[in-house]
Protein backbone atom coordinates (compact mmCIF):
# COMPACT_ATOMS: atom_id res chain seq x y z
CA UNK A 1 0.00 0.00 0.00
CA UNK A 2 1.46 3.36 -0.96
CA UNK A 3 1.32 6.49 1.14
CA UNK A 4 -1.96 8.38 1.02
CA UNK A 5 -0.39 11.57 2.31
CA UNK A 6 0.99 14.17 -0.14
CA UNK A 7 4.56 14.23 1.17
CA UNK A 8 7.91 15.43 -0.13
CA UNK A 9 11.38 15.44 1.38
CA UNK A 10 12.15 18.78 3.02
CA UNK A 11 15.60 18.54 1.42
CA UNK A 12 13.91 19.15 -1.96
CA UNK A 13 13.79 22.83 -0.94
CA UNK A 14 17.56 23.00 -0.38
CA UNK A 15 18.40 24.72 -3.69
CA UNK A 16 16.12 27.59 -2.62
CA UNK A 17 17.23 27.58 1.02
CA UNK A 18 20.95 27.51 0.23
CA UNK A 19 20.63 30.40 -2.23
CA UNK A 20 18.81 32.47 0.40
CA UNK A 21 21.57 31.61 2.87
CA UNK A 22 24.20 32.63 0.31
CA UNK A 23 22.47 36.01 0.02
CA UNK A 24 22.58 36.32 3.83
CA UNK A 25 18.77 36.40 4.10
CA UNK A 26 16.95 35.04 7.22
CA UNK A 27 16.16 31.63 5.74
CA UNK A 28 16.23 29.83 9.09
CA UNK A 29 13.52 32.14 10.37
CA UNK A 30 11.44 31.44 7.27
CA UNK A 31 11.42 27.74 8.22
CA UNK A 32 10.83 28.36 11.91
CA UNK A 33 7.87 30.59 11.06
CA UNK A 34 6.39 27.47 9.46
CA UNK A 35 7.17 25.40 12.59
CA UNK A 36 9.95 23.52 10.78
CA UNK A 37 13.57 22.96 11.86
CA UNK A 38 15.69 25.93 10.83
CA UNK A 39 18.80 23.89 9.96
CA UNK A 40 20.33 24.52 6.52
CA UNK A 41 20.71 22.38 4.49
CA UNK A 42 17.45 20.70 5.42
CA UNK A 43 17.53 17.02 6.34
CA UNK A 44 16.82 14.34 3.76
CA UNK A 45 15.06 12.37 6.50
CA UNK A 46 12.31 14.93 7.14
CA UNK A 47 9.10 15.00 5.12
CA UNK A 48 6.62 17.86 4.77
CA UNK A 49 3.24 18.18 3.13
CA UNK A 50 2.86 19.47 -0.40
CA UNK A 51 1.20 22.62 0.99
CA UNK A 52 4.25 23.36 3.13
CA UNK A 53 6.64 22.89 0.21
CA UNK A 54 4.68 25.22 -2.06
CA UNK A 55 4.69 27.90 0.64
CA UNK A 56 8.43 27.52 1.27
CA UNK A 57 9.17 27.99 -2.42
CA UNK A 58 6.84 30.98 -2.88
CA UNK A 59 8.04 32.66 0.33
CA UNK A 60 11.63 32.17 -0.80
CA UNK A 61 10.88 34.26 -3.87
CA UNK A 62 9.27 36.94 -1.71
CA UNK A 63 12.18 36.96 0.72
CA UNK A 64 14.65 37.30 -2.17
CA UNK A 65 12.43 40.01 -3.71
CA UNK A 66 12.91 38.23 -7.04
CA UNK A 67 9.88 37.25 -9.21
CA UNK A 68 12.15 34.94 -11.26
CA UNK A 69 13.80 33.27 -8.27
CA UNK A 70 12.60 29.74 -9.05
CA UNK A 71 13.70 29.86 -12.70
CA UNK A 72 17.11 31.24 -11.71
CA UNK A 73 17.60 28.42 -9.18
CA UNK A 74 16.70 25.80 -11.80
CA UNK A 75 19.09 27.26 -14.38
CA UNK A 76 21.90 27.56 -11.86
CA UNK A 77 21.60 24.08 -10.40
CA UNK A 78 24.18 21.41 -11.26
CA UNK A 79 22.19 18.53 -12.76
CA UNK A 80 24.59 16.06 -11.15
CA UNK A 81 23.50 17.25 -7.71
CA UNK A 82 19.84 16.44 -8.30
CA UNK A 83 19.29 12.86 -7.06
CA UNK A 84 16.38 11.81 -9.36
CA UNK A 85 18.21 12.74 -12.54
CA UNK A 86 21.69 11.72 -11.36
CA UNK A 87 20.38 8.26 -10.44
CA UNK A 88 18.52 8.00 -13.74
CA UNK A 89 21.67 8.80 -15.72
CA UNK A 90 23.47 5.83 -14.17
CA UNK A 91 21.09 3.49 -16.02
CA UNK A 92 20.49 5.50 -19.21
CA UNK A 93 22.13 5.50 -22.63
CA UNK A 94 19.72 7.86 -24.43
CA UNK A 95 17.47 10.80 -23.66
CA UNK A 96 14.47 8.44 -23.73
CA UNK A 97 16.13 6.17 -21.17
CA UNK A 98 16.97 9.16 -19.00
CA UNK A 99 13.40 10.47 -18.89
CA UNK A 100 11.89 7.03 -18.26
CA UNK A 101 14.25 6.29 -15.36
CA UNK A 102 13.69 9.80 -14.04
CA UNK A 103 9.91 9.32 -13.83
CA UNK A 104 10.49 6.20 -11.72
CA UNK A 105 13.16 7.72 -9.44
CA UNK A 106 11.07 10.83 -8.78
CA UNK A 107 8.49 8.70 -6.95
CA UNK A 108 11.07 8.08 -4.20
CA UNK A 109 11.18 11.79 -3.42
CA UNK A 110 7.57 12.97 -3.62
CA UNK A 111 4.15 11.38 -3.26
CA UNK A 112 2.13 14.34 -4.54
CA UNK A 113 3.39 14.52 -8.14
CA UNK A 114 3.65 11.95 -10.91
CA UNK A 115 6.06 12.51 -13.78
CA UNK A 116 5.24 11.03 -17.16
CA UNK A 117 6.69 10.55 -20.66
CA UNK A 118 4.13 10.25 -23.44
CA UNK A 119 4.87 9.89 -27.18
CA UNK A 120 2.20 10.47 -29.83
CA UNK A 121 3.28 10.40 -33.45
CA UNK A 122 6.29 12.64 -33.96
CA UNK A 123 6.09 14.48 -30.64
CA UNK A 124 6.86 13.57 -27.02
CA UNK A 125 5.47 15.24 -23.91
CA UNK A 126 7.38 15.10 -20.65
CA UNK A 127 6.05 16.60 -17.43
CA UNK A 128 4.20 15.94 -14.22
CA UNK A 129 0.72 16.07 -12.75
CA UNK A 130 -0.07 17.00 -9.17
CA UNK A 131 -2.23 14.53 -7.29
CA UNK A 132 -3.63 17.18 -4.94
CA UNK A 133 -4.72 20.74 -5.60
CA UNK A 134 -2.05 23.25 -4.52
CA UNK A 135 -3.06 25.89 -1.94
CA UNK A 136 -1.73 28.66 -4.20
CA UNK A 137 -0.55 29.14 -7.77
CA UNK A 138 2.70 27.12 -7.89
CA UNK A 139 4.45 29.80 -9.93
CA UNK A 140 7.99 29.47 -8.55
CA UNK A 141 7.78 25.68 -8.34
CA UNK A 142 6.97 25.34 -12.03
CA UNK A 143 9.49 28.03 -13.00
CA UNK A 144 12.19 26.07 -11.13
CA UNK A 145 11.40 22.89 -13.06
CA UNK A 146 11.28 24.82 -16.32
CA UNK A 147 14.72 26.33 -15.73
CA UNK A 148 16.15 22.97 -14.74
CA UNK A 149 14.56 20.96 -17.54
CA UNK A 150 15.48 23.46 -20.28
CA UNK A 151 19.06 22.94 -19.18
CA UNK A 152 18.70 19.14 -19.06
CA UNK A 153 16.91 18.88 -22.40
CA UNK A 154 19.38 21.14 -24.20
CA UNK A 155 22.31 19.17 -22.80
CA UNK A 156 20.78 15.81 -23.78
CA UNK A 157 19.56 16.83 -27.25
CA UNK A 158 22.93 18.44 -28.05
CA UNK A 159 23.10 19.37 -31.75
CA UNK A 160 19.39 18.71 -32.24
CA UNK A 161 18.41 21.29 -29.62
CA UNK A 162 16.06 23.88 -31.07
CA UNK A 163 13.90 25.82 -28.59
CA UNK A 164 11.48 26.83 -31.35
CA UNK A 165 10.55 23.13 -31.69
CA UNK A 166 9.59 22.93 -28.01
CA UNK A 167 6.40 24.06 -26.26
CA UNK A 168 6.69 24.75 -22.52
CA UNK A 169 3.60 24.93 -20.30
CA UNK A 170 3.66 26.26 -16.73
CA UNK A 171 1.17 27.51 -14.15
CA UNK A 172 2.30 31.13 -14.40
CA UNK A 173 4.40 32.31 -17.38
CA UNK A 174 4.98 35.60 -15.53
CA UNK A 175 7.37 33.76 -13.20
CA UNK A 176 9.65 33.10 -16.18
CA UNK A 177 12.03 35.91 -17.17
CA UNK A 178 12.05 37.24 -20.75
CA UNK A 179 13.63 34.61 -22.99
CA UNK A 180 14.64 34.74 -26.66
CA UNK A 181 11.68 34.84 -29.08
CA UNK A 182 12.44 31.26 -30.14
CA UNK A 183 11.10 30.01 -26.77
CA UNK A 184 7.37 29.27 -26.69
CA UNK A 185 5.86 29.35 -23.20
CA UNK A 186 2.14 28.89 -22.51
CA UNK A 187 -0.04 28.75 -19.42
CA UNK A 188 -1.54 25.51 -18.14
CA UNK A 189 -3.61 24.71 -15.06
CA UNK A 190 -2.18 24.51 -11.55
CA UNK A 191 -2.07 20.71 -11.61
CA UNK A 192 1.12 20.29 -13.59
CA UNK A 193 3.68 21.45 -16.10
CA UNK A 194 4.86 19.89 -19.34
CA UNK A 195 7.34 20.14 -22.19
CA UNK A 196 6.53 18.95 -25.71
CA UNK A 197 9.44 18.29 -28.09
CA UNK A 198 10.26 16.21 -31.22
CA UNK A 199 10.14 12.47 -30.51
CA UNK A 200 13.36 11.91 -32.49
CA UNK A 201 15.28 13.53 -29.64
CA UNK A 202 14.51 10.50 -27.46
CA UNK A 203 17.04 8.46 -29.45
CA UNK A 204 19.87 10.91 -28.86
CA UNK A 205 22.67 9.25 -26.84
CA UNK A 206 23.58 11.07 -23.62
CA UNK A 207 26.91 11.76 -21.99
CA UNK A 208 26.60 10.34 -18.48
CA UNK A 209 29.17 12.76 -17.08
CA UNK A 210 26.80 15.64 -17.86
CA UNK A 211 24.15 14.24 -15.53
CA UNK A 212 25.96 12.09 -12.97
CA UNK A 213 29.22 12.07 -11.03
CA UNK A 214 29.35 8.29 -11.35
CA UNK A 215 29.15 7.82 -7.58
CA UNK A 216 26.80 5.18 -6.19
CA UNK A 217 23.65 6.92 -4.93
CA UNK A 218 21.96 5.26 -1.97
CA UNK A 219 18.34 4.39 -2.53
CA UNK A 220 17.66 3.90 1.19
CA UNK A 221 15.24 6.14 3.02
CA UNK A 222 12.53 5.84 0.40
CA UNK A 223 9.13 7.41 0.73
CA UNK A 224 6.95 5.79 3.42
CA UNK A 225 5.04 2.74 2.23
CA UNK A 226 1.99 3.09 4.49
CA UNK A 227 -0.35 5.80 5.72
CA UNK A 228 0.76 5.36 9.36
CA UNK A 229 4.45 5.57 8.48
CA UNK A 230 3.81 8.67 6.34
CA UNK A 231 1.83 10.26 9.15
CA UNK A 232 4.64 9.71 11.64
CA UNK A 233 7.25 11.17 9.28
CA UNK A 234 5.13 14.25 8.59
CA UNK A 235 4.48 14.90 12.30
CA UNK A 236 7.99 14.09 13.54
CA UNK A 237 9.30 17.70 13.30
CA UNK A 238 6.30 18.89 15.36
CA UNK A 239 6.09 16.53 18.33
CA UNK A 240 7.77 19.11 20.58
CA UNK A 241 4.70 21.35 20.19
CA UNK A 242 2.46 21.15 23.25
CA UNK A 243 -0.53 22.38 21.23
CA UNK A 244 -0.31 19.72 18.53
CA UNK A 245 -4.05 19.21 18.18
CA UNK A 246 -5.76 16.77 15.84
CA UNK A 247 -6.88 19.63 13.60
CA UNK A 248 -3.38 21.09 13.40
CA UNK A 249 -1.84 17.67 12.75
CA UNK A 250 -4.20 17.17 9.80
CA UNK A 251 -3.18 20.56 8.38
CA UNK A 252 0.51 19.68 8.76
CA UNK A 253 -0.13 16.53 6.74
CA UNK A 254 -1.89 18.53 4.04
CA UNK A 255 -5.03 16.44 4.53
CA UNK A 256 -8.65 17.18 5.28
CA UNK A 257 -9.27 16.37 8.97
CA UNK A 258 -12.40 14.27 8.33
CA UNK A 259 -10.87 12.34 5.49
CA UNK A 260 -7.70 11.60 7.43
CA UNK A 261 -9.68 10.53 10.49
CA UNK A 262 -11.79 8.24 8.31
CA UNK A 263 -8.69 6.66 6.73
CA UNK A 264 -7.19 6.03 10.16
CA UNK A 265 -10.40 4.57 11.57
CA UNK A 266 -10.44 2.07 8.72
CA UNK A 267 -7.00 0.98 9.96
CA UNK A 268 -8.17 0.63 13.56
CA UNK A 269 -6.55 3.76 14.95
CA UNK A 270 -7.04 7.51 15.40
CA UNK A 271 -4.93 10.60 14.88
CA UNK A 272 -4.77 11.17 18.65
CA UNK A 273 -3.46 7.64 19.21
CA UNK A 274 -0.79 8.04 16.52
CA UNK A 275 0.40 11.36 17.96
CA UNK A 276 0.70 9.67 21.36
CA UNK A 277 2.53 6.69 19.83
CA UNK A 278 5.00 9.00 18.10
CA UNK A 279 5.64 10.92 21.32
CA UNK A 280 6.07 7.66 23.24
CA UNK A 281 8.58 6.36 20.71
CA UNK A 282 10.75 9.48 20.85
CA UNK A 283 10.53 9.66 24.64
CA UNK A 284 11.71 6.05 24.86
CA UNK A 285 14.63 6.78 22.54
CA UNK A 286 15.57 9.82 24.61
CA UNK A 287 15.49 7.89 27.88
CA UNK A 288 17.57 4.95 26.65
CA UNK A 289 20.09 6.80 24.46
CA UNK A 290 20.89 9.86 26.56
CA UNK A 291 21.46 11.09 30.09
CA UNK A 292 19.19 14.11 29.69
CA UNK A 293 16.85 15.02 32.52
CA UNK A 294 13.33 13.60 32.32
CA UNK A 295 11.96 17.14 32.18
CA UNK A 296 14.13 17.97 29.15
CA UNK A 297 12.92 14.85 27.35
CA UNK A 298 9.34 15.71 28.27
CA UNK A 299 9.73 19.09 26.55
CA UNK A 300 11.05 17.50 23.35
CA UNK A 301 7.83 15.51 23.03
CA UNK A 302 5.41 18.34 23.81
CA UNK A 303 5.01 18.29 27.62
CA UNK A 304 5.52 21.40 29.73
CA UNK A 305 5.05 19.56 33.03
CA UNK A 306 7.26 16.62 34.06
CA UNK A 307 4.51 15.15 36.27
CA UNK A 308 1.98 15.15 33.43
CA UNK A 309 4.62 13.58 31.17
CA UNK A 310 5.42 10.86 33.73
CA UNK A 311 1.75 10.00 34.04
CA UNK A 312 1.35 9.80 30.26
CA UNK A 313 4.53 7.77 29.88
CA UNK A 314 3.34 5.21 32.43
CA UNK A 315 0.08 4.88 30.50
CA UNK A 316 2.09 4.24 27.33
CA UNK A 317 4.62 1.73 28.70
CA UNK A 318 3.47 0.59 32.12
CA UNK A 319 6.62 2.09 33.67
CA UNK A 320 7.65 5.50 34.95
CA UNK A 321 10.35 7.28 32.89
CA UNK A 322 12.95 6.51 35.58
CA UNK A 323 11.99 2.82 35.67
CA UNK A 324 12.04 2.59 31.88
CA UNK A 325 15.50 4.14 31.76
CA UNK A 326 16.86 1.67 34.34
CA UNK A 327 15.41 -1.43 32.67
CA UNK A 328 16.16 -0.52 29.05
CA UNK A 329 19.73 0.74 29.29
């Protein structure tokens, strides 16, 4: 069973976050304002909802005071540093191979978009569709992909590259800076972006060194394979919040509260139970793997009062925090 939550690795925002940091802008505060860890670069092990990612990207553009921020990031990015395409290049000999492997690898990084490659007659369309409606116009998100994929397509097509033979479609063409007249850019709906180009380009052999460093890329830490696992990953950065209500947890997950509650009931659990289970797990880890005070551990899992935490912990495990620490060292 695949994840039913629209999740993406927080590290997917690193190109934006690192550029803001390079410009000495308060990027850590941007993340903390969204109740996310302010560490840069962001961890590959943390997942956020699609809504959160869209807001990070759009706010990055506002913070940089640059309406073309996303496109600039995409154009500037080293293709070999982008895991989905670098991994795809390891198994590809042609542009067609590269795009097909890319669509598969991308699923390990996001559960709210689906990339596709579709050939009809003499033209091929490559792009993605969003599985959930974005909370705002994903202008900078699409502009980033456009900047990145123009670079990738031109590098792969080599001598056949002709921008006048390509049609680009994005959510907001105004987020793309003025390009030469040979580029054709049109507006599409908010559910995806696409690039249409001559199908003959698919046969063009690629130079692996242009897309990959040749290093083995770990495929561990894939997207969660179940709803419960996805839920825990999405809520993990927030368990220190004492006011982590059911309604807020649903918003963090980018899910309607009633629908999420219904999905969990069908699995024999509730959102409240899963929040408690996640807090119990991290409290247990803290007690067995550190010498921190019980009160400090209580705060990391959302409790302001050590007595209330001890009572809850005994309900979870049948032992007090001190007893648990003694018996599980």
